[in-house]
Amino acid sequence: MKIDANRRGQLPKVEAAVPFASPDGLVRGWKVTIPGGHPLATPAVADGRVLLGGGFGSYEFYALDAVTGEVE
């Protein structure tokens, strides 16, 4: 796979995080859909961020706010 130099620094659009809660309200969080349809590796959490690659075969890398799910 060749990296397209024209797209360097441009990530595909990530839709806004969608909050969710379990029926009893004990488990709460958010979910996002990462574009590309690639199988994803395990994310890392550090300094209040969820760090996630765009998947196998992808060159994207995302940093999401761990509380809100917003792309940083």
C-alpha atoms as a PDB file:
ATOM      1  CA  MET A   1       0.000   0.000   0.000  1.00  0.00           C
ATOM      2  CA  LYS A   2       1.353   3.420  -0.913  1.00  0.00           C
ATOM      3  CA  ILE A   3       0.681   6.479   1.240  1.00  0.00           C
ATOM      4  CA  ASP A   4      -1.064   9.265  -0.680  1.00  0.00           C
ATOM      5  CA  ALA A   5       0.964  12.396   0.152  1.00  0.00           C
ATOM      6  CA  ASN A   6      -2.052  14.602  -0.673  1.00  0.00           C
ATOM      7  CA  ARG A   7      -3.985  13.134   2.278  1.00  0.00           C
ATOM      8  CA  ARG A   8      -1.196  13.516   4.850  1.00  0.00           C
ATOM      9  CA  GLY A   9      -2.589  15.067   8.037  1.00  0.00           C
ATOM     10  CA  GLN A  10      -6.225  14.592   6.959  1.00  0.00           C
ATOM     11  CA  LEU A  11      -8.309  12.033   8.810  1.00  0.00           C
ATOM     12  CA  PRO A  12     -11.587  10.650   7.502  1.00  0.00           C
ATOM     13  CA  LYS A  13     -14.589  12.189   9.278  1.00  0.00           C
ATOM     14  CA  VAL A  14     -15.558  10.481  12.519  1.00  0.00           C
ATOM     15  CA  GLU A  15     -19.216  10.933  13.433  1.00  0.00           C
ATOM     16  CA  ALA A  16     -20.029  12.334  16.879  1.00  0.00           C
ATOM     17  CA  ALA A  17     -19.867   9.934  19.815  1.00  0.00           C
ATOM     18  CA  VAL A  18     -23.180   8.382  20.820  1.00  0.00           C
ATOM     19  CA  PRO A  19     -23.730   8.007  24.581  1.00  0.00           C
ATOM     20  CA  PHE A  20     -25.215   4.825  25.999  1.00  0.00           C
ATOM     21  CA  ALA A  21     -26.182   3.391  29.381  1.00  0.00           C
ATOM     22  CA  SER A  22     -27.157  -0.050  30.592  1.00  0.00           C
ATOM     23  CA  PRO A  23     -30.827  -0.455  31.557  1.00  0.00           C
ATOM     24  CA  ASP A  24     -29.924  -0.208  35.259  1.00  0.00           C
ATOM     25  CA  GLY A  25     -27.735   2.861  34.647  1.00  0.00           C
ATOM     26  CA  LEU A  26     -24.655   1.293  36.237  1.00  0.00           C
ATOM     27  CA  VAL A  27     -22.665   1.093  33.005  1.00  0.00           C
ATOM     28  CA  ARG A  28     -22.361   4.261  30.959  1.00  0.00           C
ATOM     29  CA  GLY A  29     -20.148   5.229  28.069  1.00  0.00           C
ATOM     30  CA  TRP A  30     -20.073   6.243  24.434  1.00  0.00           C
ATOM     31  CA  LYS A  31     -19.406   4.632  21.087  1.00  0.00           C
ATOM     32  CA  VAL A  32     -17.998   5.890  17.812  1.00  0.00           C
ATOM     33  CA  THR A  33     -17.683   4.336  14.389  1.00  0.00           C
ATOM     34  CA  ILE A  34     -14.183   4.519  12.952  1.00  0.00           C
ATOM     35  CA  PRO A  35     -14.302   4.832   9.143  1.00  0.00           C
ATOM     36  CA  GLY A  36     -12.542   2.367   6.890  1.00  0.00           C
ATOM     37  CA  GLY A  37     -14.047  -0.956   7.900  1.00  0.00           C
ATOM     38  CA  HIS A  38     -10.683  -2.401   8.994  1.00  0.00           C
ATOM     39  CA  PRO A  39     -10.395  -4.847  11.913  1.00  0.00           C
ATOM     40  CA  LEU A  40      -9.287  -2.764  14.906  1.00  0.00           C
ATOM     41  CA  ALA A  41      -6.523  -3.530  17.382  1.00  0.00           C
ATOM     42  CA  THR A  42      -6.963  -3.006  21.105  1.00  0.00           C
ATOM     43  CA  PRO A  43      -7.091   0.689  22.043  1.00  0.00           C
ATOM     44  CA  ALA A  44      -4.904   2.247  24.711  1.00  0.00           C
ATOM     45  CA  VAL A  45      -6.034   4.694  27.392  1.00  0.00           C
ATOM     46  CA  ALA A  46      -3.622   7.347  28.688  1.00  0.00           C
ATOM     47  CA  ASP A  47      -3.862  10.886  30.034  1.00  0.00           C
ATOM     48  CA  GLY A  48      -7.635  11.046  29.618  1.00  0.00           C
ATOM     49  CA  ARG A  49      -7.554   9.896  25.989  1.00  0.00           C
ATOM     50  CA  VAL A  50      -8.463   6.740  24.137  1.00  0.00           C
ATOM     51  CA  LEU A  51      -5.786   6.135  21.489  1.00  0.00           C
ATOM     52  CA  LEU A  52      -6.771   3.969  18.552  1.00  0.00           C
ATOM     53  CA  GLY A  53      -5.296   3.128  15.190  1.00  0.00           C
ATOM     54  CA  GLY A  54      -7.596   3.082  12.164  1.00  0.00           C
ATOM     55  CA  GLY A  55      -7.218  -0.681  11.868  1.00  0.00           C
ATOM     56  CA  PHE A  56      -4.999  -3.186  10.155  1.00  0.00           C
ATOM     57  CA  GLY A  57      -3.902  -1.857   6.756  1.00  0.00           C
ATOM     58  CA  SER A  58      -4.686   1.730   7.773  1.00  0.00           C
ATOM     59  CA  TYR A  59      -2.384   4.681   8.381  1.00  0.00           C
ATOM     60  CA  GLU A  60      -4.893   6.642  10.480  1.00  0.00           C
ATOM     61  CA  PHE A  61      -4.516   7.173  14.217  1.00  0.00           C
ATOM     62  CA  TYR A  62      -7.160   8.701  16.497  1.00  0.00           C
ATOM     63  CA  ALA A  63      -7.116  10.336  19.928  1.00  0.00           C
ATOM     64  CA  LEU A  64     -10.540  10.513  21.557  1.00  0.00           C
ATOM     65  CA  ASP A  65     -11.467  12.219  24.816  1.00  0.00           C
ATOM     66  CA  ALA A  66     -12.062   9.342  27.244  1.00  0.00           C
ATOM     67  CA  VAL A  67     -15.049  11.043  28.900  1.00  0.00           C
ATOM     68  CA  THR A  68     -16.898  12.460  25.881  1.00  0.00           C
ATOM     69  CA  GLY A  69     -15.597  10.465  22.900  1.00  0.00           C
ATOM     70  CA  GLU A  70     -14.823  13.636  20.967  1.00  0.00           C
ATOM     71  CA  VAL A  71     -11.936  13.460  18.500  1.00  0.00           C
ATOM     72  CA  GLU A  72      -9.024  15.563  19.722  1.00  0.00           C
END
